Amino acid sequence: MEALVELLRGKRVCVLTGAGISTESGIPDYRGPTAPPRRRPPIQHRDFVEEALTRARYWARSMLGWPRFRDFEPNAAHHALAGWRQVSGLITQNVDRLHQKAGQGGVLELHGALAEVRCLACEAKVDRDELQQTLELMNPHALDWSYTLFADGDADLPDEVVRDFAVPACACGGVLKPDVVFFGDSVPRPRVEDAFARLDSSEALLVVGSSLTVFSGYRFVLRARERGLPVAVLNLGPTRADGDAQVKLEARAGELLPSLVERLQ
């Protein structure tokens, strides 16, 4: 803790958060020690766009997982960051909007948010709760299915039960997709540039709750190194940036961040 305090004291800090910051709210993560085992890999972008069965599988799993996912609440780590005056930019890989629920302003959602749905044809936006009502009306038989909740509101279901799942379309007839970056897709370039600008205006980078396995997050560690900014990592388990960080701490974010912010305020 002392090394982290000294590293960040008096600096404008860009914070990058991942799934590990939300596990203490009850949301499973992808790769951490508490992540439930998957029988299937996460949905891939190309498969969702091209395959009707993949879309049925996604929306069936999402219909079951969304109500619980939507109702998760921010934990002490989210609240600590929301009250930390040194935060010059907050970039999150999460799609749960818990930072906003905690009162954090100006959050850059690198991978989007599950609360919004977009038509791939006409670009119309649909509120996720509104779509939930449609999904349940079209598939009342699915409401009693048992499932295991995964990260990002996903649920584990076998293929045989989703083949007859009815998937709503946009009013224009187009494919509806959650407005998030799926595996195999790319973060829109303007969003990446916005995130880089927030990092460039900072004096340090703090990574919280991310293994940085995927490049969409690790690129900010590389950018910080290019700019000569110190990097600190707070995560349970190894990360891709362990060799890049000046300070690496293994601790729960909800236990360490409130005391860290109190020391630095």
C-alpha atoms as a PDB file:
ATOM      1  CA  MET A   1       0.000   0.000   0.000  1.00  0.00           C
ATOM      2  CA  GLU A   2       2.746   2.480   0.894  1.00  0.00           C
ATOM      3  CA  ALA A   3       4.403   2.072  -2.503  1.00  0.00           C
ATOM      4  CA  LEU A   4       1.071   2.721  -4.213  1.00  0.00           C
ATOM      5  CA  VAL A   5       0.396   5.815  -2.119  1.00  0.00           C
ATOM      6  CA  GLU A   6       3.818   7.248  -2.958  1.00  0.00           C
ATOM      7  CA  LEU A   7       3.414   6.465  -6.650  1.00  0.00           C
ATOM      8  CA  LEU A   8       0.045   8.230  -6.960  1.00  0.00           C
ATOM      9  CA  ARG A   9       0.394  11.044  -4.433  1.00  0.00           C
ATOM     10  CA  GLY A  10      -0.316  14.438  -5.985  1.00  0.00           C
ATOM     11  CA  LYS A  11      -0.827  13.043  -9.494  1.00  0.00           C
ATOM     12  CA  ARG A  12      -3.772  13.189 -11.866  1.00  0.00           C
ATOM     13  CA  VAL A  13      -4.695   9.539 -12.259  1.00  0.00           C
ATOM     14  CA  CYS A  14      -6.349   7.815 -15.203  1.00  0.00           C
ATOM     15  CA  VAL A  15      -8.157   4.707 -13.941  1.00  0.00           C
ATOM     16  CA  LEU A  16      -8.853   1.653 -16.106  1.00  0.00           C
ATOM     17  CA  THR A  17     -11.277  -0.839 -14.582  1.00  0.00           C
ATOM     18  CA  GLY A  18     -12.187  -4.403 -15.527  1.00  0.00           C
ATOM     19  CA  ALA A  19     -14.511  -7.174 -14.400  1.00  0.00           C
ATOM     20  CA  GLY A  20     -12.608  -7.702 -11.149  1.00  0.00           C
ATOM     21  CA  ILE A  21     -13.914  -4.450  -9.676  1.00  0.00           C
ATOM     22  CA  SER A  22     -17.490  -5.725  -9.971  1.00  0.00           C
ATOM     23  CA  THR A  23     -17.061  -9.206  -8.517  1.00  0.00           C
ATOM     24  CA  GLU A  24     -17.651  -7.836  -5.018  1.00  0.00           C
ATOM     25  CA  SER A  25     -21.047  -6.649  -6.280  1.00  0.00           C
ATOM     26  CA  GLY A  26     -21.845 -10.267  -7.187  1.00  0.00           C
ATOM     27  CA  ILE A  27     -21.119 -10.182 -10.933  1.00  0.00           C
ATOM     28  CA  PRO A  28     -18.899 -13.091 -12.021  1.00  0.00           C
ATOM     29  CA  ASP A  29     -15.758 -12.263 -13.985  1.00  0.00           C
ATOM     30  CA  TYR A  30     -14.180 -14.011 -16.968  1.00  0.00           C
ATOM     31  CA  ARG A  31     -10.806 -15.242 -15.762  1.00  0.00           C
ATOM     32  CA  GLY A  32     -10.490 -14.512 -12.051  1.00  0.00           C
ATOM     33  CA  PRO A  33     -10.355 -17.057  -9.250  1.00  0.00           C
ATOM     34  CA  THR A  34     -14.138 -16.847  -8.720  1.00  0.00           C
ATOM     35  CA  ALA A  35     -15.163 -17.170 -12.392  1.00  0.00           C
ATOM     36  CA  PRO A  36     -17.613 -20.070 -12.914  1.00  0.00           C
ATOM     37  CA  PRO A  37     -16.552 -22.720 -15.470  1.00  0.00           C
ATOM     38  CA  ARG A  38     -18.096 -22.370 -18.927  1.00  0.00           C
ATOM     39  CA  ARG A  39     -19.364 -25.187 -21.117  1.00  0.00           C
ATOM     40  CA  ARG A  40     -19.316 -22.847 -24.121  1.00  0.00           C
ATOM     41  CA  PRO A  41     -17.108 -19.871 -25.049  1.00  0.00           C
ATOM     42  CA  PRO A  42     -18.643 -16.366 -25.087  1.00  0.00           C
ATOM     43  CA  ILE A  43     -20.613 -15.331 -28.177  1.00  0.00           C
ATOM     44  CA  GLN A  44     -18.414 -14.161 -31.056  1.00  0.00           C
ATOM     45  CA  HIS A  45     -19.348 -11.050 -33.066  1.00  0.00           C
ATOM     46  CA  ARG A  46     -19.260 -12.696 -36.485  1.00  0.00           C
ATOM     47  CA  ASP A  47     -21.344 -15.654 -35.334  1.00  0.00           C
ATOM     48  CA  PHE A  48     -23.987 -13.341 -33.853  1.00  0.00           C
ATOM     49  CA  VAL A  49     -24.278 -11.333 -37.066  1.00  0.00           C
ATOM     50  CA  GLU A  50     -24.329 -14.301 -39.442  1.00  0.00           C
ATOM     51  CA  GLU A  51     -26.112 -17.114 -37.579  1.00  0.00           C
ATOM     52  CA  ALA A  52     -29.754 -17.068 -36.480  1.00  0.00           C
ATOM     53  CA  LEU A  53     -29.151 -19.875 -33.969  1.00  0.00           C
ATOM     54  CA  THR A  54     -26.337 -17.895 -32.339  1.00  0.00           C
ATOM     55  CA  ARG A  55     -28.656 -14.901 -31.977  1.00  0.00           C
ATOM     56  CA  ALA A  56     -31.329 -17.143 -30.458  1.00  0.00           C
ATOM     57  CA  ARG A  57     -28.762 -18.577 -28.069  1.00  0.00           C
ATOM     58  CA  TYR A  58     -27.575 -15.095 -27.054  1.00  0.00           C
ATOM     59  CA  TRP A  59     -31.025 -13.573 -26.484  1.00  0.00           C
ATOM     60  CA  ALA A  60     -32.298 -16.642 -24.624  1.00  0.00           C
ATOM     61  CA  ARG A  61     -29.349 -16.463 -22.256  1.00  0.00           C
ATOM     62  CA  SER A  62     -29.650 -12.691 -22.002  1.00  0.00           C
ATOM     63  CA  MET A  63     -33.385 -12.786 -21.280  1.00  0.00           C
ATOM     64  CA  LEU A  64     -32.704 -14.936 -18.235  1.00  0.00           C
ATOM     65  CA  GLY A  65     -29.591 -13.098 -17.068  1.00  0.00           C
ATOM     66  CA  TRP A  66     -30.565  -9.463 -17.682  1.00  0.00           C
ATOM     67  CA  PRO A  67     -32.998  -8.842 -14.774  1.00  0.00           C
ATOM     68  CA  ARG A  68     -30.459 -10.041 -12.238  1.00  0.00           C
ATOM     69  CA  PHE A  69     -27.556  -8.289 -13.983  1.00  0.00           C
ATOM     70  CA  ARG A  70     -29.463  -4.995 -14.186  1.00  0.00           C
ATOM     71  CA  ASP A  71     -30.157  -4.991 -10.454  1.00  0.00           C
ATOM     72  CA  PHE A  72     -26.584  -5.398  -9.207  1.00  0.00           C
ATOM     73  CA  GLU A  73     -25.388  -2.468  -7.100  1.00  0.00           C
ATOM     74  CA  PRO A  74     -21.997  -0.731  -6.905  1.00  0.00           C
ATOM     75  CA  ASN A  75     -19.635  -1.742  -4.128  1.00  0.00           C
ATOM     76  CA  ALA A  76     -17.133   0.156  -1.993  1.00  0.00           C
ATOM     77  CA  ALA A  77     -14.580   0.266  -4.840  1.00  0.00           C
ATOM     78  CA  HIS A  78     -16.987   2.027  -7.220  1.00  0.00           C
ATOM     79  CA  HIS A  79     -17.979   4.518  -4.520  1.00  0.00           C
ATOM     80  CA  ALA A  80     -14.348   5.202  -3.614  1.00  0.00           C
ATOM     81  CA  LEU A  81     -13.445   6.020  -7.211  1.00  0.00           C
ATOM     82  CA  ALA A  82     -16.532   8.224  -7.597  1.00  0.00           C
ATOM     83  CA  GLY A  83     -15.356  10.341  -4.676  1.00  0.00           C
ATOM     84  CA  TRP A  84     -11.674  10.508  -5.635  1.00  0.00           C
ATOM     85  CA  ARG A  85     -10.797  14.004  -6.833  1.00  0.00           C
ATOM     86  CA  GLN A  86      -7.504  12.903  -8.438  1.00  0.00           C
ATOM     87  CA  VAL A  87      -9.283  10.856 -11.120  1.00  0.00           C
ATOM     88  CA  SER A  88      -8.656  12.672 -14.405  1.00  0.00           C
ATOM     89  CA  GLY A  89     -10.362  10.024 -16.505  1.00  0.00           C
ATOM     90  CA  LEU A  90     -12.147   6.749 -15.865  1.00  0.00           C
ATOM     91  CA  ILE A  91     -12.112   4.125 -18.616  1.00  0.00           C
ATOM     92  CA  THR A  92     -13.998   0.908 -17.979  1.00  0.00           C
ATOM     93  CA  GLN A  93     -14.019  -2.388 -19.837  1.00  0.00           C
ATOM     94  CA  ASN A  94     -17.224  -3.268 -17.993  1.00  0.00           C
ATOM     95  CA  VAL A  95     -20.723  -3.077 -19.451  1.00  0.00           C
ATOM     96  CA  ASP A  96     -22.591  -3.010 -16.118  1.00  0.00           C
ATOM     97  CA  ARG A  97     -22.859   0.773 -15.511  1.00  0.00           C
ATOM     98  CA  LEU A  98     -22.008   0.328 -11.829  1.00  0.00           C
ATOM     99  CA  HIS A  99     -19.646   3.314 -11.965  1.00  0.00           C
ATOM    100  CA  GLN A 100     -22.531   5.539 -13.027  1.00  0.00           C
ATOM    101  CA  LYS A 101     -24.771   4.049 -10.333  1.00  0.00           C
ATOM    102  CA  ALA A 102     -22.099   5.056  -7.808  1.00  0.00           C
ATOM    103  CA  GLY A 103     -22.223   8.647  -9.080  1.00  0.00           C
ATOM    104  CA  GLN A 104     -19.109   8.597 -11.272  1.00  0.00           C
ATOM    105  CA  GLY A 105     -19.231  11.237 -13.986  1.00  0.00           C
ATOM    106  CA  GLY A 106     -17.621  11.169 -17.419  1.00  0.00           C
ATOM    107  CA  VAL A 107     -17.193   7.384 -17.606  1.00  0.00           C
ATOM    108  CA  LEU A 108     -15.828   6.139 -20.922  1.00  0.00           C
ATOM    109  CA  GLU A 109     -17.385   2.733 -21.607  1.00  0.00           C
ATOM    110  CA  LEU A 110     -14.756   1.086 -23.772  1.00  0.00           C
ATOM    111  CA  HIS A 111     -16.942  -1.902 -24.638  1.00  0.00           C
ATOM    112  CA  GLY A 112     -20.347  -0.196 -24.476  1.00  0.00           C
ATOM    113  CA  ALA A 113     -23.183  -1.048 -22.079  1.00  0.00           C
ATOM    114  CA  LEU A 114     -25.763  -3.821 -21.945  1.00  0.00           C
ATOM    115  CA  ALA A 115     -28.483  -1.305 -21.048  1.00  0.00           C
ATOM    116  CA  GLU A 116     -28.680  -0.271 -24.707  1.00  0.00           C
ATOM    117  CA  VAL A 117     -29.552  -2.255 -27.839  1.00  0.00           C
ATOM    118  CA  ARG A 118     -28.826  -1.144 -31.403  1.00  0.00           C
ATOM    119  CA  CYS A 119     -30.200  -2.170 -34.803  1.00  0.00           C
ATOM    120  CA  LEU A 120     -27.417  -3.233 -37.148  1.00  0.00           C
ATOM    121  CA  ALA A 121     -29.435  -2.027 -40.149  1.00  0.00           C
ATOM    122  CA  CYS A 122     -30.935   1.369 -39.273  1.00  0.00           C
ATOM    123  CA  GLU A 123     -28.870   2.175 -36.127  1.00  0.00           C
ATOM    124  CA  ALA A 124     -32.018   2.744 -34.059  1.00  0.00           C
ATOM    125  CA  LYS A 125     -31.519   2.428 -30.292  1.00  0.00           C
ATOM    126  CA  VAL A 126     -33.785   0.331 -28.054  1.00  0.00           C
ATOM    127  CA  ASP A 127     -33.805   0.378 -24.265  1.00  0.00           C
ATOM    128  CA  ARG A 128     -32.823  -3.027 -22.885  1.00  0.00           C
ATOM    129  CA  ASP A 129     -35.685  -3.089 -20.368  1.00  0.00           C
ATOM    130  CA  GLU A 130     -38.171  -2.415 -23.174  1.00  0.00           C
ATOM    131  CA  LEU A 131     -36.703  -5.302 -25.182  1.00  0.00           C
ATOM    132  CA  GLN A 132     -36.884  -7.518 -22.101  1.00  0.00           C
ATOM    133  CA  GLN A 133     -40.650  -7.134 -22.033  1.00  0.00           C
ATOM    134  CA  THR A 134     -40.838  -8.179 -25.698  1.00  0.00           C
ATOM    135  CA  LEU A 135     -38.574 -11.172 -25.155  1.00  0.00           C
ATOM    136  CA  GLU A 136     -40.656 -12.416 -22.228  1.00  0.00           C
ATOM    137  CA  LEU A 137     -43.944 -11.955 -24.098  1.00  0.00           C
ATOM    138  CA  MET A 138     -42.597 -13.914 -27.068  1.00  0.00           C
ATOM    139  CA  ASN A 139     -41.006 -16.659 -24.935  1.00  0.00           C
ATOM    140  CA  PRO A 140     -43.039 -17.212 -21.745  1.00  0.00           C
ATOM    141  CA  HIS A 141     -42.010 -20.892 -21.709  1.00  0.00           C
ATOM    142  CA  ALA A 142     -38.368 -19.870 -21.170  1.00  0.00           C
ATOM    143  CA  LEU A 143     -38.922 -17.965 -17.942  1.00  0.00           C
ATOM    144  CA  ASP A 144     -38.687 -21.127 -15.843  1.00  0.00           C
ATOM    145  CA  TRP A 145     -35.437 -22.419 -17.352  1.00  0.00           C
ATOM    146  CA  SER A 146     -32.618 -22.927 -14.838  1.00  0.00           C
ATOM    147  CA  TYR A 147     -29.285 -21.315 -15.616  1.00  0.00           C
ATOM    148  CA  THR A 148     -25.881 -20.239 -14.301  1.00  0.00           C
ATOM    149  CA  LEU A 149     -25.066 -16.535 -14.532  1.00  0.00           C
ATOM    150  CA  PHE A 150     -21.779 -15.556 -16.170  1.00  0.00           C
ATOM    151  CA  ALA A 151     -20.004 -12.255 -16.706  1.00  0.00           C
ATOM    152  CA  ASP A 152     -21.871  -9.566 -18.659  1.00  0.00           C
ATOM    153  CA  GLY A 153     -25.304 -10.996 -17.852  1.00  0.00           C
ATOM    154  CA  ASP A 154     -24.702 -14.125 -19.907  1.00  0.00           C
ATOM    155  CA  ALA A 155     -26.295 -17.424 -18.872  1.00  0.00           C
ATOM    156  CA  ASP A 156     -25.407 -21.033 -19.587  1.00  0.00           C
ATOM    157  CA  LEU A 157     -28.018 -22.909 -21.621  1.00  0.00           C
ATOM    158  CA  PRO A 158     -27.770 -25.998 -23.874  1.00  0.00           C
ATOM    159  CA  ASP A 159     -28.446 -25.542 -27.591  1.00  0.00           C
ATOM    160  CA  GLU A 160     -31.437 -27.878 -27.659  1.00  0.00           C
ATOM    161  CA  VAL A 161     -33.559 -25.568 -25.493  1.00  0.00           C
ATOM    162  CA  VAL A 162     -32.910 -22.417 -27.546  1.00  0.00           C
ATOM    163  CA  ARG A 163     -33.704 -23.693 -31.042  1.00  0.00           C
ATOM    164  CA  ASP A 164     -37.345 -22.592 -30.742  1.00  0.00           C
ATOM    165  CA  PHE A 165     -36.566 -19.326 -28.950  1.00  0.00           C
ATOM    166  CA  ALA A 166     -38.253 -16.386 -30.720  1.00  0.00           C
ATOM    167  CA  VAL A 167     -35.936 -13.455 -31.426  1.00  0.00           C
ATOM    168  CA  PRO A 168     -37.512 -10.022 -32.005  1.00  0.00           C
ATOM    169  CA  ALA A 169     -36.333  -7.854 -34.877  1.00  0.00           C
ATOM    170  CA  CYS A 170     -36.132  -4.089 -35.221  1.00  0.00           C
ATOM    171  CA  ALA A 171     -39.188  -2.260 -36.607  1.00  0.00           C
ATOM    172  CA  CYS A 172     -37.212  -1.970 -39.858  1.00  0.00           C
ATOM    173  CA  GLY A 173     -36.641  -5.735 -39.914  1.00  0.00           C
ATOM    174  CA  GLY A 174     -32.978  -5.448 -38.988  1.00  0.00           C
ATOM    175  CA  VAL A 175     -30.972  -7.473 -36.489  1.00  0.00           C
ATOM    176  CA  LEU A 176     -30.966  -6.173 -32.910  1.00  0.00           C
ATOM    177  CA  LYS A 177     -27.662  -6.447 -31.051  1.00  0.00           C
ATOM    178  CA  PRO A 178     -26.658  -5.295 -27.568  1.00  0.00           C
ATOM    179  CA  ASP A 179     -24.640  -2.113 -28.017  1.00  0.00           C
ATOM    180  CA  VAL A 180     -21.462  -3.731 -26.728  1.00  0.00           C
ATOM    181  CA  VAL A 181     -18.232  -4.954 -28.279  1.00  0.00           C
ATOM    182  CA  PHE A 182     -18.438  -8.718 -28.599  1.00  0.00           C
ATOM    183  CA  PHE A 183     -15.414 -11.014 -28.682  1.00  0.00           C
ATOM    184  CA  GLY A 184     -13.893 -10.839 -32.153  1.00  0.00           C
ATOM    185  CA  ASP A 185     -15.129  -7.269 -32.712  1.00  0.00           C
ATOM    186  CA  SER A 186     -13.103  -4.047 -32.412  1.00  0.00           C
ATOM    187  CA  VAL A 187     -13.591  -1.006 -30.190  1.00  0.00           C
ATOM    188  CA  PRO A 188     -14.621   1.936 -32.425  1.00  0.00           C
ATOM    189  CA  ARG A 189     -11.559   4.041 -33.220  1.00  0.00           C
ATOM    190  CA  PRO A 190     -13.060   7.376 -32.024  1.00  0.00           C
ATOM    191  CA  ARG A 191     -13.699   5.762 -28.634  1.00  0.00           C
ATOM    192  CA  VAL A 192     -10.107   4.544 -28.445  1.00  0.00           C
ATOM    193  CA  GLU A 193      -8.810   8.015 -29.341  1.00  0.00           C
ATOM    194  CA  ASP A 194     -11.008   9.556 -26.639  1.00  0.00           C
ATOM    195  CA  ALA A 195      -9.579   7.106 -24.116  1.00  0.00           C
ATOM    196  CA  PHE A 196      -6.013   7.861 -25.227  1.00  0.00           C
ATOM    197  CA  ALA A 197      -6.700  11.579 -24.790  1.00  0.00           C
ATOM    198  CA  ARG A 198      -7.831  11.020 -21.213  1.00  0.00           C
ATOM    199  CA  LEU A 199      -4.718   9.010 -20.478  1.00  0.00           C
ATOM    200  CA  ASP A 200      -2.441  11.559 -22.156  1.00  0.00           C
ATOM    201  CA  SER A 201      -3.814  14.318 -19.925  1.00  0.00           C
ATOM    202  CA  SER A 202      -3.018  12.279 -16.807  1.00  0.00           C
ATOM    203  CA  GLU A 203       0.152  11.717 -14.812  1.00  0.00           C
ATOM    204  CA  ALA A 204      -0.319   8.045 -13.886  1.00  0.00           C
ATOM    205  CA  LEU A 205      -2.352   4.983 -14.845  1.00  0.00           C
ATOM    206  CA  LEU A 206      -4.075   2.784 -12.274  1.00  0.00           C
ATOM    207  CA  VAL A 207      -5.502  -0.525 -13.494  1.00  0.00           C
ATOM    208  CA  VAL A 208      -8.150  -2.044 -11.216  1.00  0.00           C
ATOM    209  CA  GLY A 209      -9.611  -5.517 -11.583  1.00  0.00           C
ATOM    210  CA  SER A 210      -8.384  -6.456 -15.041  1.00  0.00           C
ATOM    211  CA  SER A 211      -6.042  -9.215 -16.178  1.00  0.00           C
ATOM    212  CA  LEU A 212      -5.474  -7.154 -19.359  1.00  0.00           C
ATOM    213  CA  THR A 213      -5.496 -10.393 -21.327  1.00  0.00           C
ATOM    214  CA  VAL A 214      -7.235  -8.739 -24.261  1.00  0.00           C
ATOM    215  CA  PHE A 215      -5.413  -5.996 -26.141  1.00  0.00           C
ATOM    216  CA  SER A 216      -8.287  -3.497 -25.851  1.00  0.00           C
ATOM    217  CA  GLY A 217      -7.210  -2.877 -22.248  1.00  0.00           C
ATOM    218  CA  TYR A 218      -3.504  -3.622 -22.434  1.00  0.00           C
ATOM    219  CA  ARG A 219      -3.012  -0.955 -25.116  1.00  0.00           C
ATOM    220  CA  PHE A 220      -3.374   1.706 -22.417  1.00  0.00           C
ATOM    221  CA  VAL A 221      -0.489   0.251 -20.446  1.00  0.00           C
ATOM    222  CA  LEU A 222       1.623   0.412 -23.602  1.00  0.00           C
ATOM    223  CA  ARG A 223       0.514   4.008 -24.169  1.00  0.00           C
ATOM    224  CA  ALA A 224       1.412   4.938 -20.595  1.00  0.00           C
ATOM    225  CA  ARG A 225       4.880   3.444 -21.083  1.00  0.00           C
ATOM    226  CA  GLU A 226       5.317   5.447 -24.302  1.00  0.00           C
ATOM    227  CA  ARG A 227       4.386   8.626 -22.431  1.00  0.00           C
ATOM    228  CA  GLY A 228       6.629   7.811 -19.478  1.00  0.00           C
ATOM    229  CA  LEU A 229       3.696   7.577 -17.070  1.00  0.00           C
ATOM    230  CA  PRO A 230       3.949   5.313 -14.021  1.00  0.00           C
ATOM    231  CA  VAL A 231       1.635   2.295 -14.025  1.00  0.00           C
ATOM    232  CA  ALA A 232       0.066   0.642 -10.984  1.00  0.00           C
ATOM    233  CA  VAL A 233      -2.020  -2.539 -11.054  1.00  0.00           C
ATOM    234  CA  LEU A 234      -4.525  -3.738  -8.449  1.00  0.00           C
ATOM    235  CA  ASN A 235      -5.840  -7.193  -9.294  1.00  0.00           C
ATOM    236  CA  LEU A 236      -6.347 -10.640  -7.831  1.00  0.00           C
ATOM    237  CA  GLY A 237      -4.158 -12.943  -9.907  1.00  0.00           C
ATOM    238  CA  PRO A 238      -1.552 -12.346 -12.615  1.00  0.00           C
ATOM    239  CA  THR A 239      -2.006  -9.745 -15.336  1.00  0.00           C
ATOM    240  CA  ARG A 240      -0.456  -9.074 -18.710  1.00  0.00           C
ATOM    241  CA  ALA A 241       1.054  -5.888 -17.273  1.00  0.00           C
ATOM    242  CA  ASP A 242       2.838  -7.382 -14.257  1.00  0.00           C
ATOM    243  CA  GLY A 243       6.186  -6.720 -15.928  1.00  0.00           C
ATOM    244  CA  ASP A 244       5.195  -3.167 -16.915  1.00  0.00           C
ATOM    245  CA  ALA A 245       3.895  -1.902 -13.584  1.00  0.00           C
ATOM    246  CA  GLN A 246       5.948  -0.010 -11.044  1.00  0.00           C
ATOM    247  CA  VAL A 247       3.548  -1.290  -8.368  1.00  0.00           C
ATOM    248  CA  LYS A 248       1.422  -4.469  -8.440  1.00  0.00           C
ATOM    249  CA  LEU A 249      -0.895  -5.292  -5.547  1.00  0.00           C
ATOM    250  CA  GLU A 250      -3.045  -8.387  -5.093  1.00  0.00           C
ATOM    251  CA  ALA A 251      -6.052  -7.355  -3.030  1.00  0.00           C
ATOM    252  CA  ARG A 252      -9.794  -6.912  -3.309  1.00  0.00           C
ATOM    253  CA  ALA A 253     -10.590  -3.520  -4.803  1.00  0.00           C
ATOM    254  CA  GLY A 254     -13.443  -2.932  -2.372  1.00  0.00           C
ATOM    255  CA  GLU A 255     -11.089  -3.420   0.565  1.00  0.00           C
ATOM    256  CA  LEU A 256      -8.095  -1.426  -0.686  1.00  0.00           C
ATOM    257  CA  LEU A 257      -9.480   1.480  -2.727  1.00  0.00           C
ATOM    258  CA  PRO A 258     -11.462   3.220   0.061  1.00  0.00           C
ATOM    259  CA  SER A 259      -8.377   3.359   2.294  1.00  0.00           C
ATOM    260  CA  LEU A 260      -6.153   4.378  -0.633  1.00  0.00           C
ATOM    261  CA  VAL A 261      -8.430   7.257  -1.605  1.00  0.00           C
ATOM    262  CA  GLU A 262      -8.696   8.359   2.024  1.00  0.00           C
ATOM    263  CA  ARG A 263      -4.892   8.470   2.261  1.00  0.00           C
ATOM    264  CA  LEU A 264      -4.558  10.459  -0.962  1.00  0.00           C
ATOM    265  CA  GLN A 265      -7.407  12.953  -0.566  1.00  0.00           C
END
